[in-house]
PDB file of N, CA and C in Angstrom:
ATOM      1  N   MET A   1     115.040 111.946 104.311  1.00  0.00           N
ATOM      2  CA  MET A   1     115.317 112.041 102.892  1.00  0.00           C
ATOM      3  C   MET A   1     116.006 113.280 102.434  1.00  0.00           C
ATOM      4  N   ALA A   2     115.341 114.549 103.149  1.00  0.00           N
ATOM      5  CA  ALA A   2     115.941 115.964 102.875  1.00  0.00           C
ATOM      6  C   ALA A   2     117.466 115.974 103.237  1.00  0.00           C
ATOM      7  N   GLY A   3     117.698 115.263 104.254  1.00  0.00           N
ATOM      8  CA  GLY A   3     119.205 115.003 104.924  1.00  0.00           C
ATOM      9  C   GLY A   3     120.081 114.553 103.573  1.00  0.00           C
ATOM     10  N   ALA A   4     119.715 113.604 102.864  1.00  0.00           N
ATOM     11  CA  ALA A   4     120.385 113.099 101.878  1.00  0.00           C
ATOM     12  C   ALA A   4     120.744 114.213 100.630  1.00  0.00           C
ATOM     13  N   GLY A   5     119.578 115.125 100.374  1.00  0.00           N
ATOM     14  CA  GLY A   5     119.851 116.075  99.316  1.00  0.00           C
ATOM     15  C   GLY A   5     120.873 117.095 100.116  1.00  0.00           C
ATOM     16  N   ILE A   6     120.701 117.400 101.366  1.00  0.00           N
ATOM     17  CA  ILE A   6     121.644 118.389 101.869  1.00  0.00           C
ATOM     18  C   ILE A   6     123.290 117.810 101.733  1.00  0.00           C
ATOM     19  N   LYS A   7     123.510 116.521 101.930  1.00  0.00           N
ATOM     20  CA  LYS A   7     124.717 116.017 101.786  1.00  0.00           C
ATOM     21  C   LYS A   7     125.301 116.029 100.223  1.00  0.00           C
ATOM     22  N   ALA A   8     124.319 115.492  99.524  1.00  0.00           N
ATOM     23  CA  ALA A   8     124.572 115.544  98.150  1.00  0.00           C
ATOM     24  C   ALA A   8     124.890 117.086  97.549  1.00  0.00           C
ATOM     25  N   GLN A   9     124.157 117.847  97.845  1.00  0.00           N
ATOM     26  CA  GLN A   9     124.599 119.408  97.622  1.00  0.00           C
ATOM     27  C   GLN A   9     125.711 119.755  98.018  1.00  0.00           C
ATOM     28  N   ALA A  10     126.129 119.489  99.324  1.00  0.00           N
ATOM     29  CA  ALA A  10     127.408 119.619 100.017  1.00  0.00           C
ATOM     30  C   ALA A  10     128.712 118.708  99.013  1.00  0.00           C
ATOM     31  N   MET A  11     128.252 117.884  98.545  1.00  0.00           N
ATOM     32  CA  MET A  11     129.118 117.036  97.894  1.00  0.00           C
ATOM     33  C   MET A  11     129.550 117.546  96.489  1.00  0.00           C
ATOM     34  N   GLY A  12     128.547 118.643  96.033  1.00  0.00           N
ATOM     35  CA  GLY A  12     128.617 119.313  94.737  1.00  0.00           C
ATOM     36  C   GLY A  12     127.546 118.857  93.774  1.00  0.00           C
ATOM     37  N   ALA A  13     126.664 118.150  94.272  1.00  0.00           N
ATOM     38  CA  ALA A  13     125.354 117.702  93.307  1.00  0.00           C
ATOM     39  C   ALA A  13     124.317 118.782  93.097  1.00  0.00           C
ATOM     40  N   LYS A  14     123.892 118.789  91.855  1.00  0.00           N
ATOM     41  CA  LYS A  14     122.889 119.917  91.533  1.00  0.00           C
ATOM     42  C   LYS A  14     121.714 119.329  91.521  1.00  0.00           C
ATOM     43  N   ILE A  15     120.747 119.538  92.584  1.00  0.00           N
ATOM     44  CA  ILE A  15     119.530 118.820  92.153  1.00  0.00           C
ATOM     45  C   ILE A  15     118.399 119.792  92.449  1.00  0.00           C
ATOM     46  N   PRO A  16     117.120 119.782  92.036  1.00  0.00           N
ATOM     47  CA  PRO A  16     116.001 120.569  92.157  1.00  0.00           C
ATOM     48  C   PRO A  16     115.617 120.824  93.419  1.00  0.00           C
ATOM     49  N   ASP A  17     115.069 121.854  93.831  1.00  0.00           N
ATOM     50  CA  ASP A  17     114.446 122.181  95.088  1.00  0.00           C
ATOM     51  C   ASP A  17     113.390 121.229  95.524  1.00  0.00           C
ATOM     52  N   ASP A  18     112.615 120.733  94.454  1.00  0.00           N
ATOM     53  CA  ASP A  18     111.451 119.810  94.725  1.00  0.00           C
ATOM     54  C   ASP A  18     111.914 118.154  94.661  1.00  0.00           C
ATOM     55  N   TRP A  19     113.150 117.952  94.602  1.00  0.00           N
ATOM     56  CA  TRP A  19     113.378 116.548  94.109  1.00  0.00           C
ATOM     57  C   TRP A  19     112.784 115.504  95.181  1.00  0.00           C
ATOM     58  N   VAL A  20     112.454 115.899  96.323  1.00  0.00           N
ATOM     59  CA  VAL A  20     111.860 114.853  97.219  1.00  0.00           C
ATOM     60  C   VAL A  20     110.696 114.710  96.779  1.00  0.00           C
ATOM     61  N   GLU A  21     109.682 115.568  96.569  1.00  0.00           N
ATOM     62  CA  GLU A  21     108.269 115.143  96.057  1.00  0.00           C
ATOM     63  C   GLU A  21     108.457 114.658  94.661  1.00  0.00           C
ATOM     64  N   ALA A  22     109.440 115.237  93.859  1.00  0.00           N
ATOM     65  CA  ALA A  22     109.427 114.321  92.795  1.00  0.00           C
ATOM     66  C   ALA A  22     109.584 112.876  92.611  1.00  0.00           C
ATOM     67  N   LEU A  23     110.746 112.595  93.582  1.00  0.00           N
ATOM     68  CA  LEU A  23     111.087 111.178  93.862  1.00  0.00           C
ATOM     69  C   LEU A  23     109.781 110.346  94.573  1.00  0.00           C
ATOM     70  N   TYR A  24     109.054 111.033  95.574  1.00  0.00           N
ATOM     71  CA  TYR A  24     108.124 110.194  96.046  1.00  0.00           C
ATOM     72  C   TYR A  24     106.917 110.244  94.813  1.00  0.00           C
ATOM     73  N   ALA A  25     106.462 111.095  94.070  1.00  0.00           N
ATOM     74  CA  ALA A  25     105.733 111.106  92.829  1.00  0.00           C
ATOM     75  C   ALA A  25     106.089 109.963  92.135  1.00  0.00           C
ATOM     76  N   LYS A  26     107.314 109.905  91.741  1.00  0.00           N
ATOM     77  CA  LYS A  26     107.872 108.720  90.686  1.00  0.00           C
ATOM     78  C   LYS A  26     107.384 107.348  91.483  1.00  0.00           C
ATOM     79  N   MET A  27     107.810 107.241  92.302  1.00  0.00           N
ATOM     80  CA  MET A  27     107.829 106.075  93.356  1.00  0.00           C
ATOM     81  C   MET A  27     106.611 105.340  93.588  1.00  0.00           C
ATOM     82  N   PHE A  28     105.433 106.404  93.981  1.00  0.00           N
ATOM     83  CA  PHE A  28     104.100 105.927  94.192  1.00  0.00           C
ATOM     84  C   PHE A  28     103.551 105.678  93.039  1.00  0.00           C
ATOM     85  N   ALA A  29     103.946 106.316  91.925  1.00  0.00           N
ATOM     86  CA  ALA A  29     103.374 105.911  90.378  1.00  0.00           C
ATOM     87  C   ALA A  29     103.829 104.552  89.903  1.00  0.00           C
ATOM     88  N   THR A  30     105.152 104.243  90.464  1.00  0.00           N
ATOM     89  CA  THR A  30     105.515 102.839  89.655  1.00  0.00           C
ATOM     90  C   THR A  30     104.782 101.839  90.914  1.00  0.00           C
ATOM     91  N   LEU A  31     104.648 102.302  92.012  1.00  0.00           N
ATOM     92  CA  LEU A  31     104.090 101.381  92.875  1.00  0.00           C
ATOM     93  C   LEU A  31     102.437 100.991  92.403  1.00  0.00           C
ATOM     94  N   ALA A  32     101.976 101.953  92.054  1.00  0.00           N
ATOM     95  CA  ALA A  32     100.281 102.011  91.711  1.00  0.00           C
ATOM     96  C   ALA A  32     100.415 100.988  90.347  1.00  0.00           C
ATOM     97  N   ARG A  33     101.509 101.086  89.441  1.00  0.00           N
ATOM     98  CA  ARG A  33     101.160 100.182  88.323  1.00  0.00           C
ATOM     99  C   ARG A  33     101.801  98.782  88.719  1.00  0.00           C
ATOM    100  N   SER A  34     102.538  98.520  89.709  1.00  0.00           N
ATOM    101  CA  SER A  34     103.279  97.281  89.800  1.00  0.00           C
ATOM    102  C   SER A  34     102.954  96.505  90.830  1.00  0.00           C
ATOM    103  N   VAL A  35     102.233  96.949  91.961  1.00  0.00           N
ATOM    104  CA  VAL A  35     102.028  96.335  92.976  1.00  0.00           C
ATOM    105  C   VAL A  35     100.586  96.106  93.303  1.00  0.00           C
ATOM    106  N   PRO A  36     100.067  95.005  93.287  1.00  0.00           N
ATOM    107  CA  PRO A  36      98.413  94.835  93.448  1.00  0.00           C
ATOM    108  C   PRO A  36      97.873  95.344  94.736  1.00  0.00           C
ATOM    109  N   VAL A  37      96.757  95.603  94.865  1.00  0.00           N
ATOM    110  CA  VAL A  37      95.997  96.078  95.923  1.00  0.00           C
ATOM    111  C   VAL A  37      95.964  94.677  96.823  1.00  0.00           C
ATOM    112  N   ILE A  38      96.043  94.928  98.152  1.00  0.00           N
ATOM    113  CA  ILE A  38      95.650  93.634  98.757  1.00  0.00           C
ATOM    114  C   ILE A  38      94.060  93.676  99.272  1.00  0.00           C
ATOM    115  N   PRO A  39      93.521  92.479  98.692  1.00  0.00           N
ATOM    116  CA  PRO A  39      92.178  92.333  99.020  1.00  0.00           C
ATOM    117  C   PRO A  39      91.860  92.835 100.582  1.00  0.00           C
ATOM    118  N   GLY A  40      90.714  93.662 100.596  1.00  0.00           N
ATOM    119  CA  GLY A  40      90.232  94.067 101.986  1.00  0.00           C
ATOM    120  C   GLY A  40      90.793  95.204 102.637  1.00  0.00           C
ATOM    121  N   ILE A  41      92.158  95.563 102.028  1.00  0.00           N
ATOM    122  CA  ILE A  41      92.610  96.594 102.632  1.00  0.00           C
ATOM    123  C   ILE A  41      91.885  98.186 102.923  1.00  0.00           C
ATOM    124  N   GLU A  42      90.942  98.282 101.896  1.00  0.00           N
ATOM    125  CA  GLU A  42      90.096  99.431 102.067  1.00  0.00           C
ATOM    126  C   GLU A  42      89.085  99.484 103.064  1.00  0.00           C
ATOM    127  N   ALA A  43      88.712  98.216 103.194  1.00  0.00           N
ATOM    128  CA  ALA A  43      87.980  98.099 104.759  1.00  0.00           C
ATOM    129  C   ALA A  43      88.750  98.298 106.129  1.00  0.00           C
ATOM    130  N   VAL A  44      89.954  97.690 105.947  1.00  0.00           N
ATOM    131  CA  VAL A  44      90.802  98.145 107.056  1.00  0.00           C
ATOM    132  C   VAL A  44      91.147  99.399 107.227  1.00  0.00           C
ATOM    133  N   LEU A  45      91.608 100.108 106.267  1.00  0.00           N
ATOM    134  CA  LEU A  45      91.883 101.566 106.097  1.00  0.00           C
ATOM    135  C   LEU A  45      90.499 102.327 106.786  1.00  0.00           C
ATOM    136  N   ASP A  46      89.289 102.059 106.277  1.00  0.00           N
ATOM    137  CA  ASP A  46      88.225 102.835 106.569  1.00  0.00           C
ATOM    138  C   ASP A  46      87.808 102.420 108.103  1.00  0.00           C
ATOM    139  N   ARG A  47      88.134 101.130 108.836  1.00  0.00           N
ATOM    140  CA  ARG A  47      88.160 100.922 110.125  1.00  0.00           C
ATOM    141  C   ARG A  47      88.994 101.892 111.062  1.00  0.00           C
ATOM    142  N   LEU A  48      90.295 102.072 110.403  1.00  0.00           N
ATOM    143  CA  LEU A  48      91.132 102.694 111.241  1.00  0.00           C
ATOM    144  C   LEU A  48      90.748 104.254 111.180  1.00  0.00           C
ATOM    145  N   ASP A  49      90.231 104.797 109.966  1.00  0.00           N
ATOM    146  CA  ASP A  49      89.817 106.023 109.969  1.00  0.00           C
ATOM    147  C   ASP A  49      88.661 106.128 110.762  1.00  0.00           C
ATOM    148  N   ASN A  50      87.857 105.277 111.012  1.00  0.00           N
ATOM    149  CA  ASN A  50      86.545 105.500 112.026  1.00  0.00           C
ATOM    150  C   ASN A  50      86.701 105.544 113.537  1.00  0.00           C
ATOM    151  N   HIS A  51      88.039 104.870 113.603  1.00  0.00           N
ATOM    152  CA  HIS A  51      88.535 104.873 115.056  1.00  0.00           C
ATOM    153  C   HIS A  51      89.708 105.867 115.424  1.00  0.00           C
ATOM    154  N   GLY A  52      89.956 106.661 114.299  1.00  0.00           N
ATOM    155  CA  GLY A  52      90.763 107.803 114.760  1.00  0.00           C
ATOM    156  C   GLY A  52      92.097 107.282 114.660  1.00  0.00           C
ATOM    157  N   ILE A  53      92.480 106.201 114.125  1.00  0.00           N
ATOM    158  CA  ILE A  53      93.892 105.756 114.176  1.00  0.00           C
ATOM    159  C   ILE A  53      94.711 106.238 112.802  1.00  0.00           C
ATOM    160  N   LEU A  54      95.838 106.647 113.124  1.00  0.00           N
ATOM    161  CA  LEU A  54      96.606 107.191 112.200  1.00  0.00           C
ATOM    162  C   LEU A  54      97.121 106.156 111.183  1.00  0.00           C
ATOM    163  N   HIS A  55      97.357 106.424 109.877  1.00  0.00           N
ATOM    164  CA  HIS A  55      98.074 105.610 108.924  1.00  0.00           C
ATOM    165  C   HIS A  55      98.884 106.528 107.894  1.00  0.00           C
ATOM    166  N   PRO A  56      99.533 105.771 107.249  1.00  0.00           N
ATOM    167  CA  PRO A  56     100.147 106.459 106.193  1.00  0.00           C
ATOM    168  C   PRO A  56      99.279 107.401 105.312  1.00  0.00           C
ATOM    169  N   LEU A  57      98.169 106.780 105.030  1.00  0.00           N
ATOM    170  CA  LEU A  57      97.360 107.515 104.076  1.00  0.00           C
ATOM    171  C   LEU A  57      96.409 108.648 104.737  1.00  0.00           C
ATOM    172  N   ASN A  58      96.086 108.764 106.018  1.00  0.00           N
ATOM    173  CA  ASN A  58      95.416 109.883 106.828  1.00  0.00           C
ATOM    174  C   ASN A  58      96.279 110.618 107.654  1.00  0.00           C
ATOM    175  N   ALA A  59      97.704 110.525 107.493  1.00  0.00           N
ATOM    176  CA  ALA A  59      98.502 111.157 108.385  1.00  0.00           C
ATOM    177  C   ALA A  59      98.668 112.703 107.990  1.00  0.00           C
TER     178      ALA A  59
END
């Protein structure tokens, strides 16, 4: 994602230093409002954690 910012800046775009973090914050807020939680996913994530298996929420 940062590579896109470098390319955009090279093309003359003025973007804030924290644009990646801001984009992800906006994206995750939208997902939290719009996408229902999969039933049972918390138990799956707990089992992965208990077995030391990395996933996007514990990496």
